[in-house]
Amino acid sequence: MRLLVVRHAKPSVTGVCYGQSDVPVAVPHDEAAASVWRQLEGARVEGLVTSPFERAKGLAEAIARLSGHEAPRVDPRLSELSFGEWEGRTFAEIEASDGARFAAWMARYTELSAPGGETVKDLDARVRAFVTEQQAHHSGPVLVVAHAGVVRALRRLRDATTWEEEMRRPVPYLEVTTLDLERSLDGRG
């Protein structure tokens, strides 16, 4: 199955740990959708699925309006990694108030979660479940509008990379990434 995956527009906040918090984007959704649609060059899209967070959902809705596609389906499994208690705070604030845990997480983010947040293994599991469901219901390309963590988890499924490798690979804003996931993830092939 083919996923056409796009990361939302750049947020207008900087230095903030936003994860699953809604933050405004720097580019209007309609303008961002036009950029994405040009990259797709009229590709046939069987489904349009998005994260529930406005920075992704607003873009997906604008793409649907522009393309004449039905409204996007919202799937919470496409949410960014949850940073729990650290959400909405600046990284400087987190380091000042929770420096030891933040340093431990930075050193071992593949094993630990932010306080009250989730691990990258949790993110991997929900993204894998999403892909397995898409493989069962779609034969054609599905356009996914999501976040950097989700894009990295999807690339890990395709490329069998580690999180360390993925963290070194950029995930540009508003760039369509084509991911062909031919093998079944449910163990049947």
C-alpha atoms as a PDB file:
ATOM      1  CA  MET A   1       0.000   0.000   0.000  1.00  0.00           C
ATOM      2  CA  ARG A   2       1.113   3.531  -0.657  1.00  0.00           C
ATOM      3  CA  LEU A   3       0.921   6.333   1.886  1.00  0.00           C
ATOM      4  CA  LEU A   4       1.488   9.924   0.811  1.00  0.00           C
ATOM      5  CA  VAL A   5       2.550  11.530   4.071  1.00  0.00           C
ATOM      6  CA  VAL A   6       2.875  15.239   4.751  1.00  0.00           C
ATOM      7  CA  ARG A   7       3.916  17.061   7.885  1.00  0.00           C
ATOM      8  CA  HIS A   8       1.851  20.106   8.834  1.00  0.00           C
ATOM      9  CA  ALA A   9       3.072  23.690   8.290  1.00  0.00           C
ATOM     10  CA  LYS A  10       5.703  25.147  10.593  1.00  0.00           C
ATOM     11  CA  PRO A  11       4.242  26.272  13.931  1.00  0.00           C
ATOM     12  CA  SER A  12       4.478  29.955  14.747  1.00  0.00           C
ATOM     13  CA  VAL A  13       5.899  29.165  18.206  1.00  0.00           C
ATOM     14  CA  THR A  14       9.570  28.423  18.819  1.00  0.00           C
ATOM     15  CA  GLY A  15      11.358  26.749  21.695  1.00  0.00           C
ATOM     16  CA  VAL A  16       8.124  25.203  22.977  1.00  0.00           C
ATOM     17  CA  CYS A  17       7.552  21.519  23.694  1.00  0.00           C
ATOM     18  CA  TYR A  18       4.148  21.266  22.020  1.00  0.00           C
ATOM     19  CA  GLY A  19       3.680  17.571  21.090  1.00  0.00           C
ATOM     20  CA  GLN A  20      -0.062  17.024  21.449  1.00  0.00           C
ATOM     21  CA  SER A  21      -0.879  20.661  22.196  1.00  0.00           C
ATOM     22  CA  ASP A  22      -2.648  22.745  19.580  1.00  0.00           C
ATOM     23  CA  VAL A  23      -0.371  25.516  18.351  1.00  0.00           C
ATOM     24  CA  PRO A  24      -0.906  27.992  15.497  1.00  0.00           C
ATOM     25  CA  VAL A  25       0.948  27.606  12.222  1.00  0.00           C
ATOM     26  CA  ALA A  26       2.957  30.275  10.417  1.00  0.00           C
ATOM     27  CA  VAL A  27       1.368  29.665   6.986  1.00  0.00           C
ATOM     28  CA  PRO A  28      -2.412  29.817   6.395  1.00  0.00           C
ATOM     29  CA  HIS A  29      -3.881  26.354   5.763  1.00  0.00           C
ATOM     30  CA  ASP A  30      -5.188  27.254   2.284  1.00  0.00           C
ATOM     31  CA  GLU A  31      -1.754  28.470   1.195  1.00  0.00           C
ATOM     32  CA  ALA A  32      -0.089  25.374   2.648  1.00  0.00           C
ATOM     33  CA  ALA A  33      -2.654  23.115   0.940  1.00  0.00           C
ATOM     34  CA  ALA A  34      -1.859  24.653  -2.450  1.00  0.00           C
ATOM     35  CA  SER A  35       1.829  23.858  -1.908  1.00  0.00           C
ATOM     36  CA  VAL A  36       1.046  20.255  -0.988  1.00  0.00           C
ATOM     37  CA  TRP A  37      -1.404  19.816  -3.867  1.00  0.00           C
ATOM     38  CA  ARG A  38       1.222  20.992  -6.374  1.00  0.00           C
ATOM     39  CA  GLN A  39       3.562  18.264  -5.108  1.00  0.00           C
ATOM     40  CA  LEU A  40       0.893  15.620  -5.572  1.00  0.00           C
ATOM     41  CA  GLU A  41       0.506  16.597  -9.251  1.00  0.00           C
ATOM     42  CA  GLY A  42      -3.046  15.270  -9.482  1.00  0.00           C
ATOM     43  CA  ALA A  43      -2.254  11.886  -7.929  1.00  0.00           C
ATOM     44  CA  ARG A  44      -5.309   9.744  -7.287  1.00  0.00           C
ATOM     45  CA  VAL A  45      -5.896   9.572  -3.556  1.00  0.00           C
ATOM     46  CA  GLU A  46      -8.245   6.926  -2.182  1.00  0.00           C
ATOM     47  CA  GLY A  47      -8.363   8.234   1.370  1.00  0.00           C
ATOM     48  CA  LEU A  48      -7.458  11.351   3.347  1.00  0.00           C
ATOM     49  CA  VAL A  49      -6.634  10.846   7.024  1.00  0.00           C
ATOM     50  CA  THR A  50      -5.339  13.328   9.574  1.00  0.00           C
ATOM     51  CA  SER A  51      -4.246  13.818  13.131  1.00  0.00           C
ATOM     52  CA  PRO A  52      -6.868  15.512  15.334  1.00  0.00           C
ATOM     53  CA  PHE A  53      -4.630  18.504  16.065  1.00  0.00           C
ATOM     54  CA  GLU A  54      -5.499  21.712  14.227  1.00  0.00           C
ATOM     55  CA  ARG A  55      -2.077  22.201  12.657  1.00  0.00           C
ATOM     56  CA  ALA A  56      -2.621  18.922  10.755  1.00  0.00           C
ATOM     57  CA  LYS A  57      -6.425  18.789  10.591  1.00  0.00           C
ATOM     58  CA  GLY A  58      -6.747  22.339   9.245  1.00  0.00           C
ATOM     59  CA  LEU A  59      -4.284  21.506   6.472  1.00  0.00           C
ATOM     60  CA  ALA A  60      -6.101  18.255   5.622  1.00  0.00           C
ATOM     61  CA  GLU A  61      -9.439  20.078   5.460  1.00  0.00           C
ATOM     62  CA  ALA A  62      -7.925  22.714   3.159  1.00  0.00           C
ATOM     63  CA  ILE A  63      -6.503  19.973   0.905  1.00  0.00           C
ATOM     64  CA  ALA A  64      -9.947  18.347   0.758  1.00  0.00           C
ATOM     65  CA  ARG A  65     -11.566  21.658  -0.248  1.00  0.00           C
ATOM     66  CA  LEU A  66      -8.916  22.345  -2.878  1.00  0.00           C
ATOM     67  CA  SER A  67      -9.000  18.850  -4.372  1.00  0.00           C
ATOM     68  CA  GLY A  68     -12.724  18.182  -4.131  1.00  0.00           C
ATOM     69  CA  HIS A  69     -11.993  15.186  -1.915  1.00  0.00           C
ATOM     70  CA  GLU A  70     -14.406  14.256   0.857  1.00  0.00           C
ATOM     71  CA  ALA A  71     -13.649  15.589   4.333  1.00  0.00           C
ATOM     72  CA  PRO A  72     -10.633  13.955   5.971  1.00  0.00           C
ATOM     73  CA  ARG A  73     -11.092  11.180   8.489  1.00  0.00           C
ATOM     74  CA  VAL A  74      -9.576  12.099  11.860  1.00  0.00           C
ATOM     75  CA  ASP A  75      -7.529   9.339  13.473  1.00  0.00           C
ATOM     76  CA  PRO A  76      -6.004   9.954  16.916  1.00  0.00           C
ATOM     77  CA  ARG A  77      -3.339   7.316  16.216  1.00  0.00           C
ATOM     78  CA  LEU A  78      -1.734   9.947  13.960  1.00  0.00           C
ATOM     79  CA  SER A  79      -1.195  12.301  16.921  1.00  0.00           C
ATOM     80  CA  GLU A  80       2.295  13.508  17.720  1.00  0.00           C
ATOM     81  CA  LEU A  81       4.171  11.952  20.636  1.00  0.00           C
ATOM     82  CA  SER A  82       2.693  13.052  23.964  1.00  0.00           C
ATOM     83  CA  PHE A  83       5.106  14.953  26.186  1.00  0.00           C
ATOM     84  CA  GLY A  84       2.720  14.869  29.158  1.00  0.00           C
ATOM     85  CA  GLU A  85       3.547  17.447  31.849  1.00  0.00           C
ATOM     86  CA  TRP A  86       6.079  19.146  29.582  1.00  0.00           C
ATOM     87  CA  GLU A  87       3.502  20.099  26.934  1.00  0.00           C
ATOM     88  CA  GLY A  88       3.149  23.813  26.298  1.00  0.00           C
ATOM     89  CA  ARG A  89       6.262  24.744  28.251  1.00  0.00           C
ATOM     90  CA  THR A  90       9.466  26.097  26.778  1.00  0.00           C
ATOM     91  CA  PHE A  91      12.464  23.812  26.774  1.00  0.00           C
ATOM     92  CA  ALA A  92      14.256  26.375  28.963  1.00  0.00           C
ATOM     93  CA  GLU A  93      11.443  26.132  31.544  1.00  0.00           C
ATOM     94  CA  ILE A  94      11.574  22.341  31.477  1.00  0.00           C
ATOM     95  CA  GLU A  95      15.349  22.308  31.978  1.00  0.00           C
ATOM     96  CA  ALA A  96      15.072  24.812  34.840  1.00  0.00           C
ATOM     97  CA  SER A  97      12.251  23.061  36.705  1.00  0.00           C
ATOM     98  CA  ASP A  98      12.757  19.399  35.784  1.00  0.00           C
ATOM     99  CA  GLY A  99      16.376  19.294  34.637  1.00  0.00           C
ATOM    100  CA  ALA A 100      17.315  15.828  35.886  1.00  0.00           C
ATOM    101  CA  ARG A 101      14.331  14.087  34.297  1.00  0.00           C
ATOM    102  CA  PHE A 102      14.727  16.110  31.110  1.00  0.00           C
ATOM    103  CA  ALA A 103      18.426  15.184  30.859  1.00  0.00           C
ATOM    104  CA  ALA A 104      17.591  11.515  31.483  1.00  0.00           C
ATOM    105  CA  TRP A 105      14.886  11.600  28.816  1.00  0.00           C
ATOM    106  CA  MET A 106      17.175  13.304  26.297  1.00  0.00           C
ATOM    107  CA  ALA A 107      19.817  10.615  26.885  1.00  0.00           C
ATOM    108  CA  ARG A 108      17.346   7.699  26.772  1.00  0.00           C
ATOM    109  CA  TYR A 109      14.302   8.917  24.827  1.00  0.00           C
ATOM    110  CA  THR A 110      13.906   5.519  23.155  1.00  0.00           C
ATOM    111  CA  GLU A 111      13.219   3.951  26.562  1.00  0.00           C
ATOM    112  CA  LEU A 112      11.718   6.715  28.714  1.00  0.00           C
ATOM    113  CA  SER A 113       8.711   8.994  28.473  1.00  0.00           C
ATOM    114  CA  ALA A 114       8.226  12.549  29.599  1.00  0.00           C
ATOM    115  CA  PRO A 115       6.331  12.636  32.924  1.00  0.00           C
ATOM    116  CA  GLY A 116       2.749  11.669  32.085  1.00  0.00           C
ATOM    117  CA  GLY A 117       3.653  11.286  28.404  1.00  0.00           C
ATOM    118  CA  GLU A 118       4.268   8.332  26.152  1.00  0.00           C
ATOM    119  CA  THR A 119       7.313   6.487  24.878  1.00  0.00           C
ATOM    120  CA  VAL A 120       8.354   6.219  21.241  1.00  0.00           C
ATOM    121  CA  LYS A 121       7.388   2.526  21.563  1.00  0.00           C
ATOM    122  CA  ASP A 122       3.833   3.707  22.298  1.00  0.00           C
ATOM    123  CA  LEU A 123       3.978   5.924  19.209  1.00  0.00           C
ATOM    124  CA  ASP A 124       5.327   3.035  17.110  1.00  0.00           C
ATOM    125  CA  ALA A 125       2.507   0.748  18.295  1.00  0.00           C
ATOM    126  CA  ARG A 126      -0.306   3.144  17.418  1.00  0.00           C
ATOM    127  CA  VAL A 127       1.217   4.028  14.036  1.00  0.00           C
ATOM    128  CA  ARG A 128       1.649   0.314  13.259  1.00  0.00           C
ATOM    129  CA  ALA A 129      -2.019  -0.299  14.164  1.00  0.00           C
ATOM    130  CA  PHE A 130      -3.040   2.559  11.859  1.00  0.00           C
ATOM    131  CA  VAL A 131      -1.039   1.124   8.944  1.00  0.00           C
ATOM    132  CA  THR A 132      -2.402  -2.393   9.480  1.00  0.00           C
ATOM    133  CA  GLU A 133      -5.948  -1.015   9.326  1.00  0.00           C
ATOM    134  CA  GLN A 134      -5.197   1.010   6.188  1.00  0.00           C
ATOM    135  CA  GLN A 135      -3.728  -2.072   4.493  1.00  0.00           C
ATOM    136  CA  ALA A 136      -6.933  -3.985   5.219  1.00  0.00           C
ATOM    137  CA  HIS A 137      -9.243  -1.275   3.843  1.00  0.00           C
ATOM    138  CA  HIS A 138      -7.386   0.545   1.040  1.00  0.00           C
ATOM    139  CA  SER A 139      -5.658  -0.647  -2.082  1.00  0.00           C
ATOM    140  CA  GLY A 140      -4.948   2.813  -3.480  1.00  0.00           C
ATOM    141  CA  PRO A 141      -2.875   5.670  -2.075  1.00  0.00           C
ATOM    142  CA  VAL A 142      -3.904   7.287   1.197  1.00  0.00           C
ATOM    143  CA  LEU A 143      -2.887  10.868   1.981  1.00  0.00           C
ATOM    144  CA  VAL A 144      -1.859  11.241   5.625  1.00  0.00           C
ATOM    145  CA  VAL A 145      -1.426  14.655   7.272  1.00  0.00           C
ATOM    146  CA  ALA A 146       0.435  14.340  10.548  1.00  0.00           C
ATOM    147  CA  HIS A 147       3.542  15.215  12.546  1.00  0.00           C
ATOM    148  CA  ALA A 148       7.301  14.597  12.534  1.00  0.00           C
ATOM    149  CA  GLY A 149       7.087  11.767  15.076  1.00  0.00           C
ATOM    150  CA  VAL A 150       4.448   9.979  13.020  1.00  0.00           C
ATOM    151  CA  VAL A 151       6.441  10.418   9.798  1.00  0.00           C
ATOM    152  CA  ARG A 152       9.499   8.965  11.524  1.00  0.00           C
ATOM    153  CA  ALA A 153       7.492   6.017  12.881  1.00  0.00           C
ATOM    154  CA  LEU A 154       6.125   5.352   9.377  1.00  0.00           C
ATOM    155  CA  ARG A 155       9.595   5.520   7.840  1.00  0.00           C
ATOM    156  CA  ARG A 156      10.797   3.084  10.508  1.00  0.00           C
ATOM    157  CA  LEU A 157       8.142   0.594   9.372  1.00  0.00           C
ATOM    158  CA  ARG A 158       9.264   0.896   5.770  1.00  0.00           C
ATOM    159  CA  ASP A 159      13.027   1.100   6.290  1.00  0.00           C
ATOM    160  CA  ALA A 160      13.505  -0.936   9.513  1.00  0.00           C
ATOM    161  CA  THR A 161      15.579   1.922  10.954  1.00  0.00           C
ATOM    162  CA  THR A 162      16.262   2.714  14.600  1.00  0.00           C
ATOM    163  CA  TRP A 163      14.920   5.810  16.319  1.00  0.00           C
ATOM    164  CA  GLU A 164      18.471   7.112  16.542  1.00  0.00           C
ATOM    165  CA  GLU A 165      18.783   6.863  12.754  1.00  0.00           C
ATOM    166  CA  GLU A 166      15.405   8.500  12.209  1.00  0.00           C
ATOM    167  CA  MET A 167      16.203  11.413  14.503  1.00  0.00           C
ATOM    168  CA  ARG A 168      19.135  12.270  12.239  1.00  0.00           C
ATOM    169  CA  ARG A 169      16.857  12.398   9.178  1.00  0.00           C
ATOM    170  CA  PRO A 170      14.929  15.636   8.623  1.00  0.00           C
ATOM    171  CA  VAL A 171      11.145  15.781   8.326  1.00  0.00           C
ATOM    172  CA  PRO A 172      10.485  18.991   6.374  1.00  0.00           C
ATOM    173  CA  TYR A 173       7.236  20.877   6.810  1.00  0.00           C
ATOM    174  CA  LEU A 174       4.704  20.587   3.958  1.00  0.00           C
ATOM    175  CA  GLU A 175       6.771  18.083   1.996  1.00  0.00           C
ATOM    176  CA  VAL A 176       5.033  14.990   0.645  1.00  0.00           C
ATOM    177  CA  THR A 177       6.856  11.744   1.402  1.00  0.00           C
ATOM    178  CA  THR A 178       5.814   8.631  -0.514  1.00  0.00           C
ATOM    179  CA  LEU A 179       5.965   5.478   1.580  1.00  0.00           C
ATOM    180  CA  ASP A 180       5.321   2.133  -0.076  1.00  0.00           C
ATOM    181  CA  LEU A 181       4.528  -0.396   2.626  1.00  0.00           C
ATOM    182  CA  GLU A 182       4.172  -3.597   0.643  1.00  0.00           C
ATOM    183  CA  ARG A 183       4.511  -6.175   3.352  1.00  0.00           C
ATOM    184  CA  SER A 184       1.750  -6.887   5.799  1.00  0.00           C
ATOM    185  CA  LEU A 185       2.400  -5.728   9.345  1.00  0.00           C
ATOM    186  CA  ASP A 186      -0.008  -8.201  10.915  1.00  0.00           C
ATOM    187  CA  GLY A 187       2.284 -11.197  10.413  1.00  0.00           C
ATOM    188  CA  ARG A 188       0.350 -12.629   7.453  1.00  0.00           C
ATOM    189  CA  GLY A 189       2.781 -11.819   4.680  1.00  0.00           C
END
